[in-house]
Amino acid sequence: MEAFITLAIGVWQIVVIVLLVLLLFGGRKIPELMRGVGEGMKEFKKATADESDDDIDVVDDTDDKKKIKDGKK
């Protein structure tokens, strides 16, 4: 429980982080950074959705069912 309390981020810590980001990257770079983060999240979601679609195709293979019914497998 103590670890959770020490890891909690308050409002002032967020303000300090935002100010540090502004100082390091400048106001013009931040929209580009956020755009890159958004595109990365889209690609990640797409990749995970494609992965789960592949799993469904393997499980729902109708050719194996036909072979089992015909007794060839």
Protein backbone atom coordinates (compact mmCIF):
# COMPACT_ATOMS: atom_id res chain seq x y z
CA MET A 1 0.00 0.00 0.00
CA GLU A 2 2.88 2.35 0.75
CA ALA A 3 4.33 1.83 -2.74
CA PHE A 4 1.05 2.96 -4.30
CA ILE A 5 0.99 6.14 -2.21
CA THR A 6 4.57 7.05 -3.12
CA LEU A 7 3.93 6.46 -6.84
CA ALA A 8 0.79 8.60 -6.94
CA ILE A 9 1.21 11.67 -9.13
CA GLY A 10 -0.35 14.88 -7.93
CA VAL A 11 -1.35 18.04 -9.76
CA TRP A 12 1.90 19.84 -9.00
CA GLN A 13 3.98 16.96 -10.33
CA ILE A 14 2.02 17.06 -13.59
CA VAL A 15 2.57 20.82 -13.86
CA VAL A 16 6.31 20.36 -13.35
CA ILE A 17 6.43 17.60 -15.99
CA VAL A 18 4.54 19.76 -18.51
CA LEU A 19 6.90 22.69 -17.88
CA LEU A 20 9.94 20.45 -18.34
CA VAL A 21 8.55 19.11 -21.61
CA LEU A 22 7.94 22.67 -22.81
CA LEU A 23 11.49 23.66 -21.92
CA LEU A 24 13.05 20.61 -23.55
CA PHE A 25 11.07 20.43 -26.78
CA GLY A 26 9.61 23.91 -27.23
CA GLY A 27 6.05 24.82 -28.13
CA ARG A 28 6.42 24.02 -31.83
CA LYS A 29 7.61 20.43 -31.42
CA ILE A 30 4.90 19.31 -29.01
CA PRO A 31 2.10 18.97 -31.63
CA GLU A 32 4.45 16.89 -33.80
CA LEU A 33 5.31 14.67 -30.82
CA MET A 34 1.65 14.18 -29.92
CA ARG A 35 0.79 13.40 -33.55
CA GLY A 36 3.50 10.75 -33.56
CA VAL A 37 2.19 9.27 -30.33
CA GLY A 38 -1.33 9.14 -31.79
CA GLU A 39 -0.15 7.43 -34.96
CA GLY A 40 1.80 4.94 -32.90
CA MET A 41 -1.29 4.12 -30.84
CA LYS A 42 -3.35 3.64 -34.03
CA GLU A 43 -0.75 1.27 -35.45
CA PHE A 44 -0.61 -0.66 -32.18
CA LYS A 45 -4.40 -1.04 -32.04
CA LYS A 46 -4.47 -2.09 -35.70
CA ALA A 47 -1.73 -4.67 -35.13
CA THR A 48 -3.47 -6.14 -32.11
CA ALA A 49 -6.78 -6.26 -34.00
CA ASP A 50 -5.08 -7.98 -36.96
CA GLU A 51 -3.49 -10.49 -34.61
CA SER A 52 -6.83 -11.40 -33.04
CA ASP A 53 -8.41 -11.71 -36.52
CA ASP A 54 -5.69 -14.18 -37.51
CA ASP A 55 -6.43 -16.28 -34.44
CA ILE A 56 -10.10 -16.42 -35.35
CA ASP A 57 -9.32 -17.56 -38.90
CA VAL A 58 -7.17 -20.42 -37.65
CA VAL A 59 -9.79 -21.63 -35.22
CA ASP A 60 -12.64 -21.30 -37.74
CA ASP A 61 -10.97 -23.36 -40.48
CA THR A 62 -13.77 -25.06 -42.45
CA ASP A 63 -11.41 -27.22 -44.55
CA ASP A 64 -10.36 -29.19 -41.47
CA LYS A 65 -14.00 -29.77 -40.58
CA LYS A 66 -14.73 -31.13 -44.08
CA LYS A 67 -11.72 -33.47 -43.94
CA ILE A 68 -12.81 -34.81 -40.55
CA LYS A 69 -16.37 -35.44 -41.84
CA ASP A 70 -15.03 -37.27 -44.91
CA GLY A 71 -12.80 -39.41 -42.72
CA LYS A 72 -9.63 -38.35 -44.54
CA LYS A 73 -7.97 -36.91 -41.49
